[in-house]
Amino acid sequence: MKTITQALLAAAGGLMLAATGASAAIVCNDDGDCWHVRGHPAYGPELKLRVHPDHWKWRHGDDHYRWREHAGRGYWRSGVWVDIH
């Protein structure tokens, strides 16, 4: 019984890690650039970025938004990707 309990706890822990690792968000800046990020980053308020849930979509007619993807950690500012190390 102890072995079964340990196996169940290990499996549950693995599922929690998998779910956490798969979390994502969409970030947009004041210029209308939006991109996907892993997890839920904490950008400083001075960057004026908005973090939305991964399922967020802008409304039809809101053509001031555009997708700008980039690998790595960072953010878009004035059309340039700024890396965060």
PDB file of N, CA and C in Angstrom:
ATOM      1  N   MET A   1       0.824  -1.191   0.000  1.00  0.00           N
ATOM      2  CA  MET A   1       0.000   0.000   0.000  1.00  0.00           C
ATOM      3  C   MET A   1       0.870   1.259   0.000  1.00  0.00           C
ATOM      4  N   LYS A   2       1.952   1.258   0.745  1.00  0.00           N
ATOM      5  CA  LYS A   2       2.847   2.405   0.812  1.00  0.00           C
ATOM      6  C   LYS A   2       3.453   2.690  -0.562  1.00  0.00           C
ATOM      7  N   THR A   3       3.821   1.647  -1.301  1.00  0.00           N
ATOM      8  CA  THR A   3       4.413   1.804  -2.629  1.00  0.00           C
ATOM      9  C   THR A   3       3.416   2.424  -3.597  1.00  0.00           C
ATOM     10  N   ILE A   4       2.155   2.007  -3.523  1.00  0.00           N
ATOM     11  CA  ILE A   4       1.118   2.553  -4.398  1.00  0.00           C
ATOM     12  C   ILE A   4       0.900   4.033  -4.091  1.00  0.00           C
ATOM     13  N   THR A   5       0.871   4.376  -2.821  1.00  0.00           N
ATOM     14  CA  THR A   5       0.684   5.774  -2.416  1.00  0.00           C
ATOM     15  C   THR A   5       1.840   6.639  -2.919  1.00  0.00           C
ATOM     16  N   GLN A   6       3.070   6.133  -2.778  1.00  0.00           N
ATOM     17  CA  GLN A   6       4.234   6.881  -3.252  1.00  0.00           C
ATOM     18  C   GLN A   6       4.182   7.060  -4.767  1.00  0.00           C
ATOM     19  N   ALA A   7       3.765   6.015  -5.475  1.00  0.00           N
ATOM     20  CA  ALA A   7       3.674   6.103  -6.934  1.00  0.00           C
ATOM     21  C   ALA A   7       2.618   7.129  -7.349  1.00  0.00           C
ATOM     22  N   LEU A   8       1.480   7.143  -6.666  1.00  0.00           N
ATOM     23  CA  LEU A   8       0.432   8.113  -6.977  1.00  0.00           C
ATOM     24  C   LEU A   8       0.882   9.540  -6.696  1.00  0.00           C
ATOM     25  N   LEU A   9       1.582   9.738  -5.590  1.00  0.00           N
ATOM     26  CA  LEU A   9       2.087  11.068  -5.266  1.00  0.00           C
ATOM     27  C   LEU A   9       3.120  11.537  -6.289  1.00  0.00           C
ATOM     28  N   ALA A  10       3.983  10.637  -6.723  1.00  0.00           N
ATOM     29  CA  ALA A  10       4.982  10.982  -7.730  1.00  0.00           C
ATOM     30  C   ALA A  10       4.312  11.342  -9.054  1.00  0.00           C
ATOM     31  N   ALA A  11       3.303  10.579  -9.445  1.00  0.00           N
ATOM     32  CA  ALA A  11       2.580  10.860 -10.688  1.00  0.00           C
ATOM     33  C   ALA A  11       1.871  12.210 -10.605  1.00  0.00           C
ATOM     34  N   ALA A  12       1.238  12.498  -9.478  1.00  0.00           N
ATOM     35  CA  ALA A  12       0.541  13.778  -9.299  1.00  0.00           C
ATOM     36  C   ALA A  12       1.532  14.940  -9.359  1.00  0.00           C
ATOM     37  N   GLY A  13       2.685  14.773  -8.756  1.00  0.00           N
ATOM     38  CA  GLY A  13       3.717  15.810  -8.800  1.00  0.00           C
ATOM     39  C   GLY A  13       4.198  16.049 -10.219  1.00  0.00           C
ATOM     40  N   GLY A  14       4.356  14.978 -10.988  1.00  0.00           N
ATOM     41  CA  GLY A  14       4.764  15.112 -12.383  1.00  0.00           C
ATOM     42  C   GLY A  14       3.723  15.850 -13.210  1.00  0.00           C
ATOM     43  N   LEU A  15       2.460  15.572 -12.966  1.00  0.00           N
ATOM     44  CA  LEU A  15       1.392  16.269 -13.683  1.00  0.00           C
ATOM     45  C   LEU A  15       1.373  17.746 -13.330  1.00  0.00           C
ATOM     46  N   MET A  16       1.616  18.084 -12.072  1.00  0.00           N
ATOM     47  CA  MET A  16       1.640  19.484 -11.666  1.00  0.00           C
ATOM     48  C   MET A  16       2.782  20.221 -12.346  1.00  0.00           C
ATOM     49  N   LEU A  17       3.949  19.585 -12.435  1.00  0.00           N
ATOM     50  CA  LEU A  17       5.089  20.208 -13.105  1.00  0.00           C
ATOM     51  C   LEU A  17       4.811  20.391 -14.584  1.00  0.00           C
ATOM     52  N   ALA A  18       4.197  19.395 -15.213  1.00  0.00           N
ATOM     53  CA  ALA A  18       3.870  19.492 -16.635  1.00  0.00           C
ATOM     54  C   ALA A  18       2.879  20.617 -16.882  1.00  0.00           C
ATOM     55  N   ALA A  19       1.896  20.743 -16.022  1.00  0.00           N
ATOM     56  CA  ALA A  19       0.900  21.798 -16.186  1.00  0.00           C
ATOM     57  C   ALA A  19       1.524  23.172 -15.984  1.00  0.00           C
ATOM     58  N   THR A  20       2.417  23.298 -15.030  1.00  0.00           N
ATOM     59  CA  THR A  20       3.077  24.568 -14.769  1.00  0.00           C
ATOM     60  C   THR A  20       3.984  24.947 -15.930  1.00  0.00           C
ATOM     61  N   GLY A  21       4.731  23.977 -16.456  1.00  0.00           N
ATOM     62  CA  GLY A  21       5.640  24.241 -17.555  1.00  0.00           C
ATOM     63  C   GLY A  21       4.920  24.618 -18.826  1.00  0.00           C
ATOM     64  N   ALA A  22       3.675  24.220 -18.972  1.00  0.00           N
ATOM     65  CA  ALA A  22       2.923  24.498 -20.186  1.00  0.00           C
ATOM     66  C   ALA A  22       2.179  25.822 -20.112  1.00  0.00           C
ATOM     67  N   SER A  23       2.233  26.510 -18.990  1.00  0.00           N
ATOM     68  CA  SER A  23       1.487  27.752 -18.876  1.00  0.00           C
ATOM     69  C   SER A  23       2.111  28.815 -19.780  1.00  0.00           C
ATOM     70  N   ALA A  24       1.275  29.683 -20.274  1.00  0.00           N
ATOM     71  CA  ALA A  24       1.741  30.722 -21.184  1.00  0.00           C
ATOM     72  C   ALA A  24       0.882  31.962 -21.016  1.00  0.00           C
ATOM     73  N   ALA A  25       1.314  33.034 -21.638  1.00  0.00           N
ATOM     74  CA  ALA A  25       0.569  34.287 -21.601  1.00  0.00           C
ATOM     75  C   ALA A  25       0.834  35.044 -22.893  1.00  0.00           C
ATOM     76  N   ILE A  26       0.072  36.093 -23.105  1.00  0.00           N
ATOM     77  CA  ILE A  26       0.278  37.010 -24.220  1.00  0.00           C
ATOM     78  C   ILE A  26       0.584  38.373 -23.614  1.00  0.00           C
ATOM     79  N   VAL A  27       1.628  39.004 -24.114  1.00  0.00           N
ATOM     80  CA  VAL A  27       2.031  40.313 -23.613  1.00  0.00           C
ATOM     81  C   VAL A  27       1.899  41.323 -24.751  1.00  0.00           C
ATOM     82  N   CYS A  28       1.372  42.507 -24.435  1.00  0.00           N
ATOM     83  CA  CYS A  28       1.243  43.582 -25.429  1.00  0.00           C
ATOM     84  C   CYS A  28       1.843  44.862 -24.859  1.00  0.00           C
ATOM     85  N   ASN A  29       2.446  45.651 -25.757  1.00  0.00           N
ATOM     86  CA  ASN A  29       2.983  46.945 -25.338  1.00  0.00           C
ATOM     87  C   ASN A  29       2.087  48.070 -25.849  1.00  0.00           C
ATOM     88  N   ASP A  30       2.433  49.305 -25.519  1.00  0.00           N
ATOM     89  CA  ASP A  30       1.625  50.455 -25.921  1.00  0.00           C
ATOM     90  C   ASP A  30       1.647  50.701 -27.424  1.00  0.00           C
ATOM     91  N   ASP A  31       2.654  50.155 -28.127  1.00  0.00           N
ATOM     92  CA  ASP A  31       2.733  50.300 -29.583  1.00  0.00           C
ATOM     93  C   ASP A  31       1.805  49.337 -30.312  1.00  0.00           C
ATOM     94  N   GLY A  32       1.193  48.379 -29.578  1.00  0.00           N
ATOM     95  CA  GLY A  32       0.311  47.396 -30.192  1.00  0.00           C
ATOM     96  C   GLY A  32       0.996  46.098 -30.566  1.00  0.00           C
ATOM     97  N   ASP A  33       2.283  45.960 -30.222  1.00  0.00           N
ATOM     98  CA  ASP A  33       3.002  44.708 -30.458  1.00  0.00           C
ATOM     99  C   ASP A  33       2.581  43.698 -29.404  1.00  0.00           C
ATOM    100  N   CYS A  34       2.219  42.479 -29.837  1.00  0.00           N
ATOM    101  CA  CYS A  34       1.836  41.410 -28.914  1.00  0.00           C
ATOM    102  C   CYS A  34       2.663  40.170 -29.228  1.00  0.00           C
ATOM    103  N   TRP A  35       3.015  39.411 -28.198  1.00  0.00           N
ATOM    104  CA  TRP A  35       3.805  38.207 -28.381  1.00  0.00           C
ATOM    105  C   TRP A  35       3.466  37.214 -27.293  1.00  0.00           C
ATOM    106  N   HIS A  36       3.769  35.955 -27.577  1.00  0.00           N
ATOM    107  CA  HIS A  36       3.546  34.873 -26.609  1.00  0.00           C
ATOM    108  C   HIS A  36       4.763  34.728 -25.707  1.00  0.00           C
ATOM    109  N   VAL A  37       4.522  34.392 -24.466  1.00  0.00           N
ATOM    110  CA  VAL A  37       5.600  34.107 -23.512  1.00  0.00           C
ATOM    111  C   VAL A  37       5.255  32.831 -22.750  1.00  0.00           C
ATOM    112  N   ARG A  38       6.270  32.175 -22.257  1.00  0.00           N
ATOM    113  CA  ARG A  38       6.060  31.018 -21.393  1.00  0.00           C
ATOM    114  C   ARG A  38       5.873  31.509 -19.972  1.00  0.00           C
ATOM    115  N   GLY A  39       4.962  30.873 -19.265  1.00  0.00           N
ATOM    116  CA  GLY A  39       4.703  31.248 -17.883  1.00  0.00           C
ATOM    117  C   GLY A  39       3.956  32.565 -17.795  1.00  0.00           C
ATOM    118  N   HIS A  40       4.057  33.206 -16.669  1.00  0.00           N
ATOM    119  CA  HIS A  40       3.410  34.496 -16.437  1.00  0.00           C
ATOM    120  C   HIS A  40       4.476  35.441 -15.910  1.00  0.00           C
ATOM    121  N   PRO A  41       5.193  36.098 -16.810  1.00  0.00           N
ATOM    122  CA  PRO A  41       6.324  36.928 -16.399  1.00  0.00           C
ATOM    123  C   PRO A  41       5.883  38.150 -15.599  1.00  0.00           C
ATOM    124  N   ALA A  42       6.787  38.622 -14.780  1.00  0.00           N
ATOM    125  CA  ALA A  42       6.533  39.828 -13.985  1.00  0.00           C
ATOM    126  C   ALA A  42       7.405  40.944 -14.558  1.00  0.00           C
ATOM    127  N   TYR A  43       6.844  41.708 -15.482  1.00  0.00           N
ATOM    128  CA  TYR A  43       7.558  42.853 -16.037  1.00  0.00           C
ATOM    129  C   TYR A  43       7.355  44.042 -15.104  1.00  0.00           C
ATOM    130  N   GLY A  44       8.344  44.907 -15.019  1.00  0.00           N
ATOM    131  CA  GLY A  44       8.223  46.090 -14.185  1.00  0.00           C
ATOM    132  C   GLY A  44       7.196  47.067 -14.747  1.00  0.00           C
ATOM    133  N   PRO A  45       6.520  47.816 -13.891  1.00  0.00           N
ATOM    134  CA  PRO A  45       5.475  48.742 -14.350  1.00  0.00           C
ATOM    135  C   PRO A  45       6.016  49.833 -15.279  1.00  0.00           C
ATOM    136  N   GLU A  46       7.295  50.152 -15.182  1.00  0.00           N
ATOM    137  CA  GLU A  46       7.875  51.192 -16.033  1.00  0.00           C
ATOM    138  C   GLU A  46       7.879  50.800 -17.514  1.00  0.00           C
ATOM    139  N   LEU A  47       7.746  49.488 -17.812  1.00  0.00           N
ATOM    140  CA  LEU A  47       7.727  49.020 -19.203  1.00  0.00           C
ATOM    141  C   LEU A  47       6.360  49.206 -19.861  1.00  0.00           C
ATOM    142  N   LYS A  48       5.337  49.438 -19.063  1.00  0.00           N
ATOM    143  CA  LYS A  48       3.970  49.662 -19.557  1.00  0.00           C
ATOM    144  C   LYS A  48       3.500  48.528 -20.469  1.00  0.00           C
ATOM    145  N   LEU A  49       3.691  47.287 -20.006  1.00  0.00           N
ATOM    146  CA  LEU A  49       3.258  46.103 -20.745  1.00  0.00           C
ATOM    147  C   LEU A  49       2.026  45.519 -20.073  1.00  0.00           C
ATOM    148  N   ARG A  50       1.160  44.942 -20.862  1.00  0.00           N
ATOM    149  CA  ARG A  50      -0.035  44.277 -20.341  1.00  0.00           C
ATOM    150  C   ARG A  50       0.096  42.788 -20.582  1.00  0.00           C
ATOM    151  N   VAL A  51      -0.087  41.996 -19.546  1.00  0.00           N
ATOM    152  CA  VAL A  51      -0.011  40.544 -19.643  1.00  0.00           C
ATOM    153  C   VAL A  51      -1.440  40.007 -19.646  1.00  0.00           C
ATOM    154  N   HIS A  52      -1.763  39.234 -20.679  1.00  0.00           N
ATOM    155  CA  HIS A  52      -3.086  38.652 -20.849  1.00  0.00           C
ATOM    156  C   HIS A  52      -3.004  37.139 -20.748  1.00  0.00           C
ATOM    157  N   PRO A  53      -4.098  36.455 -20.448  1.00  0.00           N
ATOM    158  CA  PRO A  53      -4.107  34.990 -20.474  1.00  0.00           C
ATOM    159  C   PRO A  53      -3.826  34.492 -21.896  1.00  0.00           C
ATOM    160  N   ASP A  54      -3.335  33.274 -22.011  1.00  0.00           N
ATOM    161  CA  ASP A  54      -2.942  32.718 -23.308  1.00  0.00           C
ATOM    162  C   ASP A  54      -4.109  32.649 -24.287  1.00  0.00           C
ATOM    163  N   HIS A  55      -5.325  32.578 -23.818  1.00  0.00           N
ATOM    164  CA  HIS A  55      -6.484  32.486 -24.711  1.00  0.00           C
ATOM    165  C   HIS A  55      -7.010  33.868 -25.124  1.00  0.00           C
ATOM    166  N   TRP A  56      -6.366  34.961 -24.689  1.00  0.00           N
ATOM    167  CA  TRP A  56      -6.812  36.309 -24.990  1.00  0.00           C
ATOM    168  C   TRP A  56      -6.707  36.594 -26.494  1.00  0.00           C
ATOM    169  N   LYS A  57      -7.695  37.311 -27.018  1.00  0.00           N
ATOM    170  CA  LYS A  57      -7.682  37.748 -28.412  1.00  0.00           C
ATOM    171  C   LYS A  57      -8.215  39.166 -28.460  1.00  0.00           C
ATOM    172  N   TRP A  58      -7.658  39.974 -29.349  1.00  0.00           N
ATOM    173  CA  TRP A  58      -8.218  41.307 -29.483  1.00  0.00           C
ATOM    174  C   TRP A  58      -9.480  41.228 -30.321  1.00  0.00           C
ATOM    175  N   ARG A  59     -10.346  42.200 -30.109  1.00  0.00           N
ATOM    176  CA  ARG A  59     -11.639  42.230 -30.801  1.00  0.00           C
ATOM    177  C   ARG A  59     -11.431  42.552 -32.272  1.00  0.00           C
ATOM    178  N   HIS A  60     -12.358  42.084 -33.082  1.00  0.00           N
ATOM    179  CA  HIS A  60     -12.353  42.440 -34.505  1.00  0.00           C
ATOM    180  C   HIS A  60     -12.450  43.952 -34.635  1.00  0.00           C
ATOM    181  N   GLY A  61     -11.684  44.531 -35.471  1.00  0.00           N
ATOM    182  CA  GLY A  61     -11.701  45.978 -35.632  1.00  0.00           C
ATOM    183  C   GLY A  61     -10.610  46.678 -34.838  1.00  0.00           C
ATOM    184  N   ASP A  62      -9.991  45.954 -33.901  1.00  0.00           N
ATOM    185  CA  ASP A  62      -8.865  46.525 -33.140  1.00  0.00           C
ATOM    186  C   ASP A  62      -7.584  46.291 -33.935  1.00  0.00           C
ATOM    187  N   ASP A  63      -7.436  47.016 -35.047  1.00  0.00           N
ATOM    188  CA  ASP A  63      -6.315  46.742 -35.945  1.00  0.00           C
ATOM    189  C   ASP A  63      -5.015  47.399 -35.492  1.00  0.00           C
ATOM    190  N   HIS A  64      -5.002  47.992 -34.319  1.00  0.00           N
ATOM    191  CA  HIS A  64      -3.755  48.578 -33.836  1.00  0.00           C
ATOM    192  C   HIS A  64      -2.858  47.544 -33.157  1.00  0.00           C
ATOM    193  N   TYR A  65      -3.303  46.288 -33.093  1.00  0.00           N
ATOM    194  CA  TYR A  65      -2.476  45.210 -32.549  1.00  0.00           C
ATOM    195  C   TYR A  65      -1.839  44.420 -33.685  1.00  0.00           C
ATOM    196  N   ARG A  66      -0.662  43.857 -33.434  1.00  0.00           N
ATOM    197  CA  ARG A  66      -0.002  42.972 -34.395  1.00  0.00           C
ATOM    198  C   ARG A  66       0.855  41.967 -33.633  1.00  0.00           C
ATOM    199  N   TRP A  67       0.962  40.762 -34.186  1.00  0.00           N
ATOM    200  CA  TRP A  67       1.787  39.716 -33.584  1.00  0.00           C
ATOM    201  C   TRP A  67       3.233  39.934 -33.955  1.00  0.00           C
ATOM    202  N   ARG A  68       4.096  39.841 -32.974  1.00  0.00           N
ATOM    203  CA  ARG A  68       5.539  39.920 -33.175  1.00  0.00           C
ATOM    204  C   ARG A  68       6.172  38.889 -32.258  1.00  0.00           C
ATOM    205  N   GLU A  69       6.454  37.736 -32.780  1.00  0.00           N
ATOM    206  CA  GLU A  69       7.033  36.674 -31.958  1.00  0.00           C
ATOM    207  C   GLU A  69       8.555  36.812 -31.897  1.00  0.00           C
ATOM    208  N   HIS A  70       9.121  36.258 -30.836  1.00  0.00           N
ATOM    209  CA  HIS A  70      10.582  36.249 -30.672  1.00  0.00           C
ATOM    210  C   HIS A  70      10.931  35.183 -29.653  1.00  0.00           C
ATOM    211  N   ALA A  71      12.018  34.486 -29.886  1.00  0.00           N
ATOM    212  CA  ALA A  71      12.485  33.478 -28.924  1.00  0.00           C
ATOM    213  C   ALA A  71      13.261  34.168 -27.808  1.00  0.00           C
ATOM    214  N   GLY A  72      13.212  33.593 -26.643  1.00  0.00           N
ATOM    215  CA  GLY A  72      13.974  34.127 -25.520  1.00  0.00           C
ATOM    216  C   GLY A  72      13.124  34.997 -24.607  1.00  0.00           C
ATOM    217  N   ARG A  73      13.770  35.483 -23.545  1.00  0.00           N
ATOM    218  CA  ARG A  73      13.084  36.338 -22.576  1.00  0.00           C
ATOM    219  C   ARG A  73      13.331  37.795 -22.927  1.00  0.00           C
ATOM    220  N   GLY A  74      12.264  38.559 -22.967  1.00  0.00           N
ATOM    221  CA  GLY A  74      12.415  39.972 -23.259  1.00  0.00           C
ATOM    222  C   GLY A  74      11.091  40.610 -23.591  1.00  0.00           C
ATOM    223  N   TYR A  75      11.162  41.725 -24.324  1.00  0.00           N
ATOM    224  CA  TYR A  75       9.946  42.452 -24.694  1.00  0.00           C
ATOM    225  C   TYR A  75      10.249  43.334 -25.905  1.00  0.00           C
ATOM    226  N   TRP A  76       9.189  43.729 -26.600  1.00  0.00           N
ATOM    227  CA  TRP A  76       9.306  44.633 -27.738  1.00  0.00           C
ATOM    228  C   TRP A  76       9.177  46.075 -27.261  1.00  0.00           C
ATOM    229  N   ARG A  77      10.054  46.948 -27.759  1.00  0.00           N
ATOM    230  CA  ARG A  77       9.990  48.377 -27.448  1.00  0.00           C
ATOM    231  C   ARG A  77      10.359  49.152 -28.712  1.00  0.00           C
ATOM    232  N   SER A  78       9.437  49.953 -29.214  1.00  0.00           N
ATOM    233  CA  SER A  78       9.651  50.764 -30.418  1.00  0.00           C
ATOM    234  C   SER A  78      10.130  49.923 -31.597  1.00  0.00           C
ATOM    235  N   GLY A  79       9.552  48.724 -31.740  1.00  0.00           N
ATOM    236  CA  GLY A  79       9.881  47.855 -32.871  1.00  0.00           C
ATOM    237  C   GLY A  79      11.161  47.055 -32.728  1.00  0.00           C
ATOM    238  N   VAL A  80      11.811  47.136 -31.569  1.00  0.00           N
ATOM    239  CA  VAL A  80      13.077  46.436 -31.335  1.00  0.00           C
ATOM    240  C   VAL A  80      12.898  45.471 -30.162  1.00  0.00           C
ATOM    241  N   TRP A  81      13.403  44.242 -30.313  1.00  0.00           N
ATOM    242  CA  TRP A  81      13.348  43.260 -29.224  1.00  0.00           C
ATOM    243  C   TRP A  81      14.441  43.579 -28.211  1.00  0.00           C
ATOM    244  N   VAL A  82      14.068  43.666 -26.941  1.00  0.00           N
ATOM    245  CA  VAL A  82      15.000  43.933 -25.850  1.00  0.00           C
ATOM    246  C   VAL A  82      15.108  42.673 -25.021  1.00  0.00           C
ATOM    247  N   ASP A  83      16.314  42.072 -24.989  1.00  0.00           N
ATOM    248  CA  ASP A  83      16.533  40.850 -24.208  1.00  0.00           C
ATOM    249  C   ASP A  83      16.573  41.160 -22.717  1.00  0.00           C
ATOM    250  N   ILE A  84      16.018  40.245 -21.939  1.00  0.00           N
ATOM    251  CA  ILE A  84      16.145  40.280 -20.485  1.00  0.00           C
ATOM    252  C   ILE A  84      16.979  39.077 -20.097  1.00  0.00           C
ATOM    253  N   HIS A  85      18.077  39.301 -19.430  1.00  0.00           N
ATOM    254  CA  HIS A  85      18.975  38.192 -19.042  1.00  0.00           C
ATOM    255  C   HIS A  85      18.722  37.753 -17.632  1.00  0.00           C
TER     256      HIS A  85
END
